[in-house]
Amino acid sequence: MHELSLCESIVETLEQQALAQHYRLVKTVWLEIGALSGVEAEALRFCFDAVTRGTLAEQAKLVILEVPGQAWCTQCSIHVPMQQRFDACPRCGGFQLRVNDGEQLRIKELEVE
């Protein structure tokens, strides 16, 4: 389960930023998770609760913002939605797609004290 190591990295980032920006407590974490990122939101939520125990984010609320997948179809010359990798273009059925959104996992915002 790679969500565990992702949560460990998130907590490490929170701790580094707490030193740099002088906060002592994280109250809310907003995470953007792309539909094409390969991250399972519920597994991440479970791991977040486990990994934050005993840290400055122990009581933090995790808000997950899901970002839909999107790609550029080189045949249609338009942006099209993507539900998962290797889907065909919903307009022309072709597979010449370049993903341009929905792969991210990032901390979008924090509420801290």
Foldseek 3Di string as FASTA:
>chain_A
DCLLVVLLVVLVVVVVVCVVVVFQAWAEWEKEAFLAQPDDPVVNVVSNQVNCVPGSHNNHHYHYDYDWKWWAAPVVRDIATDNYPQAAGPPPRHRRIGTDDRNDIDTDDTDTD
